[in-house]
Amino acid sequence: METVSLEKSTDKKLYGIELMRGISCLLVIMIHVTASFWIYPQKESLTFKWIIALNTISRFAVPSFIFMSGFTLFYFYSRREFSFISFYKKRMVKAAIPYLLWSFFYTGINYRKYLNVSVGMQWGQFFKEALLGLSSYHLYFMLIIIQFYFIFPVLLRIYKKVDKPMITFIFCGILNLVFIRHLNLPLRDRLFPYYLIYFIAGFVFADLRLKGRKFSKIGRMLWGIAYIVAAVYYVVDHYRITIGAPPISPKIFQYIFMVYGVISSSLLYILLEKLEENNLPWMRHPLIGSLSAHSFSIYLVHPFLMKCYQWLEGYVTLDGVPLYGLFLVKSTIIFMSSWGISIVLSQIKIKLLQKKHGYKDR
């Protein structure tokens, strides 16, 4: 670990984090698009194996988003006083309100399952699904982030009180393992302890950055080797499960996702931080900034477009198109249309805010 000059200001734009957010957004779409091909019968084909590999490798996307949430919150709030009320108000506007709105939206998309129940039961079912992140398969992430927003001030105070980053990280890792191994709660993947290690990893790396500490070349190489080992093991194990074979080791299988998620998220940040340190102009490209700025909306809107694409498949015959061709077409359409709609939604939001505050174009 090398020590360099301290960050002069936490107002500095984090270009590495921006790019990391964009990459993670792409990975989320990759997960869901590749998962849609599991129904295909060619499970022994090389193309199907590559699709499984892409799906598995991409699965650190959610840990990466949680890592970035921990990183940015620590980076911007750890060295200044802030009001709990204003913090929670800002976070509720940013996360809780969009979460409820999109829960309503996806409940409406799935309206058929509510047709044969009373209005009272419909509302009861909606609030139950909203509380548990069940309105759509991807909304559980929003529920987790909201929980972390609620407990962030407490975690920050504990972290600063202990003031031992690696001890705190290891302790949280042990808590995570205990939660995974021993607390067999229903829907436990909706609870923040299941993801605590990623959030605290964000704390640790933000702390190191603020203290001016960087990974050496050897450190990056060792982290890269750890990633390769974890990725290969995880891909092989996931493929075995997909084709109905038992995992290599049932005990390791319980923990491999957590280990892979921590290593992958951390390595991606380490590499992007190094690129940012080299002051590469392309990292400041407007397209990267746009992708990062709209990643939240892209995450929320893309499952709707997946449904639209699935509906269109019933009217378009693609017989004879190879599996990799279908994958490339679907990935491109879902990603680009999600990005485009997110930009439109952003512009609508800006116009509404301008109208609310009495702003008029001149």
Protein backbone atom coordinates (compact mmCIF):
# COMPACT_ATOMS: atom_id res chain seq x y z
CA MET A 1 0.00 0.00 0.00
CA GLU A 2 1.43 3.33 -1.08
CA THR A 3 0.76 6.74 0.48
CA VAL A 4 0.26 9.75 -1.78
CA SER A 5 -1.11 13.24 -1.27
CA LEU A 6 -4.44 13.49 0.51
CA GLU A 7 -7.63 14.40 -1.32
CA LYS A 8 -7.74 18.19 -1.26
CA SER A 9 -11.52 18.36 -1.31
CA THR A 10 -14.44 15.98 -1.16
CA ASP A 11 -16.14 18.21 -3.73
CA LYS A 12 -13.87 16.65 -6.36
CA LYS A 13 -15.75 14.69 -8.99
CA LEU A 14 -15.21 10.94 -8.71
CA TYR A 15 -14.69 9.93 -12.33
CA GLY A 16 -13.70 6.39 -11.36
CA ILE A 17 -16.95 5.94 -9.44
CA GLU A 18 -18.91 7.42 -12.36
CA LEU A 19 -17.44 4.86 -14.74
CA MET A 20 -17.95 2.09 -12.17
CA ARG A 21 -21.61 3.06 -11.93
CA GLY A 22 -21.98 2.88 -15.71
CA ILE A 23 -20.25 -0.51 -15.89
CA SER A 24 -22.43 -1.88 -13.09
CA CYS A 25 -25.53 -0.66 -14.90
CA LEU A 26 -24.46 -2.58 -18.02
CA LEU A 27 -23.82 -5.67 -15.90
CA VAL A 28 -27.33 -5.58 -14.41
CA ILE A 29 -28.84 -5.65 -17.90
CA MET A 30 -26.39 -8.41 -18.85
CA ILE A 31 -27.62 -10.52 -15.91
CA HIS A 32 -31.28 -10.23 -16.84
CA VAL A 33 -30.81 -10.65 -20.59
CA THR A 34 -28.62 -13.74 -20.23
CA ALA A 35 -31.05 -15.22 -17.69
CA SER A 36 -33.81 -15.04 -20.31
CA PHE A 37 -31.90 -17.57 -22.46
CA TRP A 38 -31.89 -20.32 -19.84
CA ILE A 39 -35.09 -21.76 -21.32
CA TYR A 40 -33.22 -22.69 -24.51
CA PRO A 41 -32.56 -26.43 -24.83
CA GLN A 42 -28.97 -26.16 -26.14
CA LYS A 43 -27.43 -26.37 -22.66
CA GLU A 44 -24.43 -28.35 -23.89
CA SER A 45 -23.55 -25.87 -26.63
CA LEU A 46 -20.51 -23.62 -26.34
CA THR A 47 -22.66 -20.51 -26.84
CA PHE A 48 -24.91 -21.45 -23.92
CA LYS A 49 -21.84 -22.00 -21.73
CA TRP A 50 -20.57 -18.54 -22.65
CA ILE A 51 -23.98 -17.05 -21.78
CA ILE A 52 -23.87 -18.77 -18.37
CA ALA A 53 -20.33 -17.47 -17.86
CA LEU A 54 -21.40 -13.90 -18.74
CA ASN A 55 -24.38 -14.16 -16.40
CA THR A 56 -22.22 -15.42 -13.54
CA ILE A 57 -19.37 -12.94 -14.01
CA SER A 58 -21.89 -10.07 -14.14
CA ARG A 59 -23.47 -10.97 -10.82
CA PHE A 60 -21.30 -8.64 -8.80
CA ALA A 61 -23.34 -5.73 -10.21
CA VAL A 62 -25.60 -5.38 -7.16
CA PRO A 63 -22.69 -5.76 -4.68
CA SER A 64 -20.91 -3.12 -6.75
CA PHE A 65 -23.82 -0.67 -6.46
CA ILE A 66 -23.95 -1.24 -2.69
CA PHE A 67 -20.16 -0.78 -2.52
CA MET A 68 -20.52 2.55 -4.35
CA SER A 69 -23.32 3.67 -2.02
CA GLY A 70 -21.11 3.02 1.00
CA PHE A 71 -18.15 4.68 -0.72
CA THR A 72 -19.91 7.89 -1.76
CA LEU A 73 -21.77 8.32 1.53
CA PHE A 74 -18.54 7.92 3.53
CA TYR A 75 -16.55 10.08 1.13
CA PHE A 76 -18.94 13.02 1.26
CA TYR A 77 -20.20 12.81 4.86
CA SER A 78 -17.39 11.40 7.03
CA ARG A 79 -15.51 14.69 7.38
CA ARG A 80 -18.38 17.05 8.00
CA GLU A 81 -21.27 17.56 10.36
CA PHE A 82 -24.71 16.92 8.92
CA SER A 83 -28.28 17.01 10.13
CA PHE A 84 -29.96 13.61 10.41
CA ILE A 85 -33.29 15.16 9.42
CA SER A 86 -31.95 16.78 6.25
CA PHE A 87 -30.00 13.62 5.40
CA TYR A 88 -33.04 11.37 5.73
CA LYS A 89 -35.25 13.85 3.88
CA LYS A 90 -32.84 13.97 0.94
CA ARG A 91 -32.51 10.19 0.82
CA MET A 92 -36.25 9.59 1.02
CA VAL A 93 -36.79 11.92 -1.93
CA LYS A 94 -33.99 10.19 -3.83
CA ALA A 95 -34.87 6.56 -3.02
CA ALA A 96 -38.09 5.89 -1.10
CA ILE A 97 -40.46 7.97 -3.24
CA PRO A 98 -39.15 6.57 -6.58
CA TYR A 99 -39.32 3.10 -5.04
CA LEU A 100 -43.02 3.48 -4.19
CA LEU A 101 -43.83 5.03 -7.58
CA TRP A 102 -42.12 2.23 -9.47
CA SER A 103 -43.77 -0.34 -7.20
CA PHE A 104 -47.14 1.13 -8.26
CA PHE A 105 -46.02 1.04 -11.89
CA TYR A 106 -44.94 -2.60 -11.86
CA THR A 107 -48.02 -3.59 -9.86
CA GLY A 108 -50.06 -2.04 -12.68
CA ILE A 109 -48.06 -3.97 -15.27
CA ASN A 110 -48.95 -7.19 -13.44
CA TYR A 111 -52.58 -6.15 -12.90
CA ARG A 112 -54.05 -9.52 -13.96
CA LYS A 113 -53.22 -11.19 -10.66
CA TYR A 114 -55.40 -8.62 -8.84
CA LEU A 115 -58.52 -9.00 -10.98
CA ASN A 116 -60.24 -11.64 -8.85
CA VAL A 117 -59.72 -10.06 -5.41
CA SER A 118 -61.46 -7.22 -3.58
CA VAL A 119 -60.17 -3.64 -3.58
CA GLY A 120 -59.15 -3.96 0.06
CA MET A 121 -57.15 -7.09 -0.68
CA GLN A 122 -55.59 -5.38 -3.71
CA TRP A 123 -54.23 -2.56 -1.54
CA GLY A 124 -53.14 -5.03 1.12
CA GLN A 125 -51.28 -7.07 -1.48
CA PHE A 126 -49.66 -3.95 -2.92
CA PHE A 127 -48.33 -2.76 0.44
CA LYS A 128 -47.10 -6.25 1.25
CA GLU A 129 -45.23 -6.45 -2.05
CA ALA A 130 -43.89 -2.90 -1.67
CA LEU A 131 -42.66 -3.65 1.85
CA LEU A 132 -40.85 -6.78 0.65
CA GLY A 133 -39.70 -5.56 -2.76
CA LEU A 134 -41.88 -8.07 -4.60
CA SER A 135 -43.65 -5.80 -7.11
CA SER A 136 -40.90 -6.68 -9.59
CA TYR A 137 -37.87 -8.94 -9.34
CA HIS A 138 -35.34 -6.08 -9.40
CA LEU A 139 -36.89 -3.79 -6.76
CA TYR A 140 -35.35 -5.69 -3.84
CA PHE A 141 -32.19 -3.67 -4.48
CA MET A 142 -34.05 -0.42 -3.78
CA LEU A 143 -35.32 -1.84 -0.52
CA ILE A 144 -31.77 -2.73 0.53
CA ILE A 145 -30.44 0.73 -0.34
CA ILE A 146 -33.22 2.40 1.67
CA GLN A 147 -32.28 0.25 4.69
CA PHE A 148 -28.63 1.28 4.35
CA TYR A 149 -29.65 4.95 4.13
CA PHE A 150 -31.52 4.55 7.42
CA ILE A 151 -28.61 2.96 9.28
CA PHE A 152 -25.77 4.91 7.61
CA PRO A 153 -25.38 7.51 10.41
CA VAL A 154 -25.12 4.71 12.98
CA LEU A 155 -22.63 2.71 10.90
CA LEU A 156 -20.57 5.84 10.26
CA ARG A 157 -20.39 6.65 13.96
CA ILE A 158 -19.35 3.09 14.85
CA TYR A 159 -16.75 2.97 12.07
CA LYS A 160 -15.17 6.27 13.15
CA LYS A 161 -15.29 5.25 16.82
CA VAL A 162 -13.44 1.98 16.17
CA ASP A 163 -11.06 3.68 13.69
CA LYS A 164 -9.62 0.33 12.58
CA PRO A 165 -10.73 -0.15 8.94
CA MET A 166 -9.51 -3.71 8.42
CA ILE A 167 -10.74 -4.93 11.82
CA THR A 168 -14.16 -3.43 11.08
CA PHE A 169 -14.16 -4.97 7.60
CA ILE A 170 -13.25 -8.44 8.92
CA PHE A 171 -15.81 -8.23 11.72
CA CYS A 172 -18.57 -7.26 9.26
CA GLY A 173 -17.46 -10.11 6.99
CA ILE A 174 -17.89 -12.55 9.87
CA LEU A 175 -21.33 -11.11 10.62
CA ASN A 176 -22.23 -11.57 6.95
CA LEU A 177 -21.09 -15.20 7.02
CA VAL A 178 -23.07 -15.87 10.20
CA PHE A 179 -26.17 -14.32 8.66
CA ILE A 180 -25.82 -16.40 5.50
CA ARG A 181 -25.05 -19.63 7.36
CA HIS A 182 -27.28 -19.58 10.41
CA LEU A 183 -30.17 -17.15 10.01
CA ASN A 184 -32.53 -18.93 7.64
CA LEU A 185 -35.12 -16.17 7.52
CA PRO A 186 -37.71 -15.96 4.72
CA LEU A 187 -36.72 -13.39 2.08
CA ARG A 188 -33.44 -12.76 3.89
CA ASP A 189 -31.99 -11.43 0.63
CA ARG A 190 -34.20 -8.37 1.25
CA LEU A 191 -32.40 -7.56 4.52
CA PHE A 192 -29.32 -5.33 4.78
CA PRO A 193 -27.15 -7.74 6.87
CA TYR A 194 -27.00 -9.99 3.81
CA TYR A 195 -25.08 -7.21 2.01
CA LEU A 196 -23.30 -5.48 4.90
CA ILE A 197 -19.80 -6.48 3.79
CA TYR A 198 -20.15 -4.64 0.45
CA PHE A 199 -21.35 -1.43 2.10
CA ILE A 200 -18.51 -1.49 4.64
CA ALA A 201 -16.01 -2.28 1.86
CA GLY A 202 -17.13 1.02 0.33
CA PHE A 203 -16.39 2.72 3.66
CA VAL A 204 -12.90 1.21 3.77
CA PHE A 205 -11.91 2.21 0.24
CA ALA A 206 -13.30 5.73 0.66
CA ASP A 207 -11.38 6.01 3.93
CA LEU A 208 -8.17 4.88 2.22
CA ARG A 209 -8.72 7.40 -0.56
CA LEU A 210 -9.31 10.28 1.84
CA LYS A 211 -6.12 9.31 3.66
CA GLY A 212 -4.22 9.27 0.37
CA ARG A 213 -3.43 5.55 0.40
CA LYS A 214 -3.26 3.64 -2.90
CA PHE A 215 -2.64 0.03 -3.86
CA SER A 216 0.80 -0.80 -5.19
CA LYS A 217 1.33 -2.69 -8.44
CA ILE A 218 1.92 -5.91 -6.47
CA GLY A 219 -1.26 -5.28 -4.47
CA ARG A 220 -3.29 -4.89 -7.66
CA MET A 221 -1.76 -8.07 -9.09
CA LEU A 222 -2.62 -10.07 -5.95
CA TRP A 223 -6.16 -8.72 -6.05
CA GLY A 224 -6.37 -9.70 -9.72
CA ILE A 225 -5.22 -13.25 -8.98
CA ALA A 226 -7.81 -13.53 -6.21
CA TYR A 227 -10.46 -12.38 -8.69
CA ILE A 228 -9.48 -14.96 -11.32
CA VAL A 229 -9.59 -17.80 -8.78
CA ALA A 230 -12.97 -16.70 -7.36
CA ALA A 231 -14.47 -16.05 -10.82
CA VAL A 232 -13.43 -19.41 -12.28
CA TYR A 233 -14.73 -21.30 -9.26
CA TYR A 234 -18.01 -19.36 -9.26
CA VAL A 235 -18.59 -19.81 -13.01
CA VAL A 236 -17.94 -23.57 -12.87
CA ASP A 237 -20.13 -24.01 -9.79
CA HIS A 238 -22.96 -21.93 -11.26
CA TYR A 239 -22.88 -23.88 -14.53
CA ARG A 240 -23.08 -27.16 -12.62
CA ILE A 241 -26.13 -25.94 -10.72
CA THR A 242 -27.76 -24.72 -13.97
CA ILE A 243 -27.50 -28.13 -15.65
CA GLY A 244 -28.74 -29.92 -12.53
CA ALA A 245 -25.39 -31.17 -11.19
CA PRO A 246 -24.43 -30.72 -7.51
CA PRO A 247 -22.03 -27.90 -6.53
CA ILE A 248 -18.34 -28.70 -6.14
CA SER A 249 -18.64 -28.12 -2.40
CA PRO A 250 -22.01 -27.38 -0.74
CA LYS A 251 -20.25 -25.53 2.09
CA ILE A 252 -18.26 -23.24 -0.21
CA PHE A 253 -21.33 -22.74 -2.41
CA GLN A 254 -23.05 -20.86 0.45
CA TYR A 255 -20.32 -18.24 0.58
CA ILE A 256 -18.84 -18.02 -2.92
CA PHE A 257 -21.20 -15.24 -4.06
CA MET A 258 -20.24 -13.05 -1.09
CA VAL A 259 -16.52 -13.64 -1.64
CA TYR A 260 -16.79 -13.07 -5.40
CA GLY A 261 -18.88 -9.92 -4.90
CA VAL A 262 -16.39 -8.34 -2.50
CA ILE A 263 -13.32 -9.19 -4.59
CA SER A 264 -14.93 -8.09 -7.88
CA SER A 265 -16.32 -4.78 -6.62
CA SER A 266 -13.07 -3.90 -4.87
CA LEU A 267 -10.89 -4.84 -7.85
CA LEU A 268 -13.05 -2.84 -10.27
CA TYR A 269 -12.71 0.22 -8.04
CA ILE A 270 -8.93 -0.28 -7.63
CA LEU A 271 -8.42 -0.47 -11.41
CA LEU A 272 -10.66 2.52 -12.15
CA GLU A 273 -8.99 4.56 -9.42
CA LYS A 274 -5.65 3.87 -11.12
CA LEU A 275 -7.07 5.00 -14.47
CA GLU A 276 -8.48 8.12 -12.83
CA GLU A 277 -5.08 8.82 -11.27
CA ASN A 278 -3.58 8.81 -14.79
CA ASN A 279 -6.01 11.61 -15.70
CA LEU A 280 -7.25 9.95 -18.89
CA PRO A 281 -9.44 12.34 -20.94
CA TRP A 282 -11.90 9.67 -22.08
CA MET A 283 -13.03 9.11 -18.48
CA ARG A 284 -14.56 12.59 -18.63
CA HIS A 285 -16.50 11.88 -21.83
CA PRO A 286 -20.11 13.15 -21.69
CA LEU A 287 -21.46 9.70 -22.62
CA ILE A 288 -19.90 8.17 -19.50
CA GLY A 289 -21.31 11.02 -17.44
CA SER A 290 -24.74 10.49 -18.98
CA LEU A 291 -24.68 6.73 -18.38
CA SER A 292 -23.65 7.27 -14.77
CA ALA A 293 -26.25 9.99 -14.18
CA HIS A 294 -29.06 7.85 -15.61
CA SER A 295 -27.95 4.47 -14.21
CA PHE A 296 -30.59 4.62 -11.46
CA SER A 297 -33.40 5.13 -13.99
CA ILE A 298 -31.96 2.53 -16.36
CA TYR A 299 -32.01 0.02 -13.52
CA LEU A 300 -35.65 0.81 -12.74
CA VAL A 301 -37.02 0.92 -16.30
CA HIS A 302 -35.23 -1.96 -18.04
CA PRO A 303 -37.45 -4.81 -16.69
CA PHE A 304 -40.46 -3.10 -18.28
CA LEU A 305 -38.64 -3.08 -21.61
CA MET A 306 -37.74 -6.74 -21.09
CA LYS A 307 -41.48 -7.42 -20.85
CA CYS A 308 -42.11 -5.39 -24.01
CA TYR A 309 -39.40 -7.31 -25.86
CA GLN A 310 -40.89 -10.61 -24.69
CA TRP A 311 -44.29 -9.50 -25.99
CA LEU A 312 -42.78 -8.57 -29.38
CA GLU A 313 -41.11 -11.98 -29.62
CA GLY A 314 -44.59 -13.46 -29.96
CA TYR A 315 -45.08 -11.53 -33.22
CA VAL A 316 -41.59 -11.70 -34.75
CA THR A 317 -40.14 -14.95 -36.04
CA LEU A 318 -36.41 -15.30 -35.42
CA ASP A 319 -36.03 -18.96 -36.35
CA GLY A 320 -32.57 -19.76 -37.62
CA VAL A 321 -30.87 -16.86 -35.83
CA PRO A 322 -27.99 -18.24 -33.74
CA LEU A 323 -28.13 -17.91 -29.97
CA TYR A 324 -25.31 -15.36 -29.82
CA GLY A 325 -27.12 -13.24 -32.43
CA LEU A 326 -30.32 -13.22 -30.39
CA PHE A 327 -28.31 -12.31 -27.31
CA LEU A 328 -26.54 -9.38 -29.00
CA VAL A 329 -29.76 -8.01 -30.50
CA LYS A 330 -31.71 -8.26 -27.26
CA SER A 331 -28.89 -6.77 -25.13
CA THR A 332 -28.45 -3.81 -27.47
CA ILE A 333 -32.16 -3.04 -27.76
CA ILE A 334 -32.83 -3.29 -24.01
CA PHE A 335 -29.79 -1.21 -23.07
CA MET A 336 -30.18 1.57 -25.63
CA SER A 337 -33.94 1.90 -25.17
CA SER A 338 -33.57 1.95 -21.35
CA TRP A 339 -30.95 4.66 -21.61
CA GLY A 340 -33.07 6.70 -24.03
CA ILE A 341 -36.21 6.49 -21.89
CA SER A 342 -34.17 7.41 -18.80
CA ILE A 343 -32.93 10.56 -20.53
CA VAL A 344 -36.51 11.49 -21.48
CA LEU A 345 -37.72 10.89 -17.90
CA SER A 346 -34.88 13.03 -16.59
CA GLN A 347 -35.84 15.90 -18.90
CA ILE A 348 -39.49 15.62 -17.85
CA LYS A 349 -38.42 15.79 -14.20
CA ILE A 350 -36.30 18.88 -14.88
CA LYS A 351 -39.19 20.61 -16.67
CA LEU A 352 -41.59 19.82 -13.81
CA LEU A 353 -39.14 21.18 -11.24
CA GLN A 354 -38.61 24.31 -13.31
CA LYS A 355 -42.35 24.80 -13.56
CA LYS A 356 -42.74 24.25 -9.81
CA HIS A 357 -40.17 26.94 -9.04
CA GLY A 358 -41.58 29.36 -11.61
CA TYR A 359 -38.66 29.13 -14.04
CA LYS A 360 -39.29 30.13 -17.65
CA ASP A 361 -37.00 29.66 -20.61
CA ARG A 362 -35.79 32.90 -22.14
